[in-house]
Amino acid sequence: MRYLAAYLLTKLSGANEVTVDNLSTIITSVGIDFDTERAEKVIADLSGKSVEELIAEGSAKLASVPSGGAAPAAGSASGAAAGGAEEAAPAKEEAEEEEESDDDMGFGLFD
């Protein structure tokens, strides 16, 4: 990922061609180890493509990645709803206890 980011930064800076030296300068400037072989592979894979093309390809790939938050299976939905209500009550009590502990100290966040 760091090599891709350095490649895109180099392209966005207006450079016509991205070299290993360009990537090395960017990556080592923030104290990260540099692997010449990886840099060469990234340059070979991405050469001839515009930044817009790379972003479009990356967006298409990200669209297929699951991001969590999926609904539970139909068979477990009723059990999850019942269990969720029971779990919510202790969580609320814990949150109230944490808020009260701040009051015991004699000052609040905005005092």
Protein backbone atom coordinates (compact mmCIF):
# COMPACT_ATOMS: atom_id res chain seq x y z
CA MET A 1 0.00 0.00 0.00
CA ARG A 2 2.82 2.40 0.79
CA TYR A 3 4.30 1.88 -2.68
CA LEU A 4 0.95 2.58 -4.31
CA ALA A 5 0.53 5.74 -2.23
CA ALA A 6 4.03 6.91 -3.15
CA TYR A 7 3.33 6.11 -6.81
CA LEU A 8 0.13 8.18 -6.76
CA LEU A 9 1.86 11.06 -4.97
CA THR A 10 4.58 11.07 -7.60
CA LYS A 11 2.02 11.08 -10.42
CA LEU A 12 -0.01 13.83 -8.76
CA SER A 13 3.12 15.96 -8.41
CA GLY A 14 3.24 16.17 -12.19
CA ALA A 15 5.98 13.63 -12.93
CA ASN A 16 5.61 12.01 -16.34
CA GLU A 17 7.39 8.83 -15.30
CA VAL A 18 7.65 7.27 -11.86
CA THR A 19 11.04 5.85 -10.95
CA VAL A 20 12.31 3.72 -8.09
CA ASP A 21 14.21 6.78 -6.87
CA ASN A 22 10.96 8.78 -6.68
CA LEU A 23 9.31 6.10 -4.56
CA SER A 24 12.41 5.67 -2.42
CA THR A 25 12.57 9.38 -1.66
CA ILE A 26 8.95 9.52 -0.55
CA ILE A 27 8.92 6.31 1.49
CA THR A 28 12.25 6.78 3.26
CA SER A 29 11.41 10.41 4.09
CA VAL A 30 8.97 9.16 6.71
CA GLY A 31 11.31 6.55 8.16
CA ILE A 32 9.90 3.44 6.50
CA ASP A 33 12.11 0.67 5.11
CA PHE A 34 12.23 0.54 1.32
CA ASP A 35 12.15 -2.62 -0.80
CA THR A 36 13.43 -2.02 -4.33
CA GLU A 37 11.86 -5.22 -5.72
CA ARG A 38 8.38 -4.22 -4.52
CA ALA A 39 8.82 -0.74 -5.93
CA GLU A 40 9.84 -2.14 -9.31
CA LYS A 41 6.83 -4.47 -9.33
CA VAL A 42 4.43 -1.60 -8.53
CA ILE A 43 5.94 0.56 -11.26
CA ALA A 44 5.72 -2.29 -13.78
CA ASP A 45 2.08 -3.06 -12.86
CA LEU A 46 0.92 0.56 -12.93
CA SER A 47 2.93 2.07 -15.77
CA GLY A 48 0.84 3.55 -18.54
CA LYS A 49 -2.23 4.08 -16.34
CA SER A 50 -3.53 7.46 -15.27
CA VAL A 51 -4.40 8.32 -11.67
CA GLU A 52 -8.07 8.43 -12.65
CA GLU A 53 -7.90 4.89 -14.06
CA LEU A 54 -6.19 3.59 -10.92
CA ILE A 55 -8.79 5.19 -8.65
CA ALA A 56 -11.65 3.77 -10.76
CA GLU A 57 -10.12 0.27 -10.65
CA GLY A 58 -9.52 0.51 -6.91
CA SER A 59 -13.06 1.73 -6.25
CA ALA A 60 -14.49 -1.19 -8.21
CA LYS A 61 -12.42 -3.63 -6.16
CA LEU A 62 -13.41 -1.99 -2.86
CA ALA A 63 -17.09 -2.22 -3.76
CA SER A 64 -16.87 -6.01 -3.56
CA VAL A 65 -15.25 -6.05 -0.11
CA PRO A 66 -17.68 -6.81 2.74
CA SER A 67 -17.79 -3.99 5.24
CA GLY A 68 -19.68 -5.61 8.12
CA GLY A 69 -23.02 -4.68 9.53
CA ALA A 70 -24.82 -7.43 7.67
CA ALA A 71 -28.19 -8.52 8.98
CA PRO A 72 -28.24 -11.78 10.96
CA ALA A 73 -29.64 -14.93 9.36
CA ALA A 74 -33.44 -15.25 9.48
CA GLY A 75 -33.34 -18.17 11.92
CA SER A 76 -31.32 -16.28 14.48
CA ALA A 77 -33.03 -12.92 14.13
CA SER A 78 -35.60 -13.49 16.89
CA GLY A 79 -32.96 -14.85 19.26
CA ALA A 80 -30.66 -11.94 18.55
CA ALA A 81 -33.46 -9.46 19.18
CA ALA A 82 -34.32 -11.03 22.51
CA GLY A 83 -30.68 -11.31 23.56
CA GLY A 84 -29.94 -7.81 22.35
CA ALA A 85 -32.54 -6.30 24.64
CA GLU A 86 -31.08 -8.09 27.65
CA GLU A 87 -27.54 -7.00 26.79
CA ALA A 88 -28.51 -3.37 26.25
CA ALA A 89 -29.67 -2.86 29.84
CA PRO A 90 -26.31 -3.68 31.52
CA ALA A 91 -24.44 -1.57 28.97
CA LYS A 92 -26.64 1.42 29.77
CA GLU A 93 -26.09 0.97 33.51
CA GLU A 94 -22.31 0.82 33.00
CA ALA A 95 -22.40 4.02 30.97
CA GLU A 96 -24.33 5.77 33.72
CA GLU A 97 -21.82 4.60 36.32
CA GLU A 98 -18.95 5.98 34.24
CA GLU A 99 -20.68 9.36 33.97
CA GLU A 100 -21.28 9.43 37.71
CA SER A 101 -17.64 8.68 38.42
CA ASP A 102 -16.69 11.93 36.65
CA ASP A 103 -19.08 13.85 38.89
CA ASP A 104 -17.42 12.41 41.98
CA MET A 105 -14.13 14.04 41.05
CA GLY A 106 -15.58 17.51 41.45
CA PHE A 107 -15.11 18.71 37.90
CA GLY A 108 -16.55 18.03 34.49
CA LEU A 109 -15.15 18.03 31.01
CA PHE A 110 -16.01 21.66 30.33
CA ASP A 111 -15.42 23.17 33.78
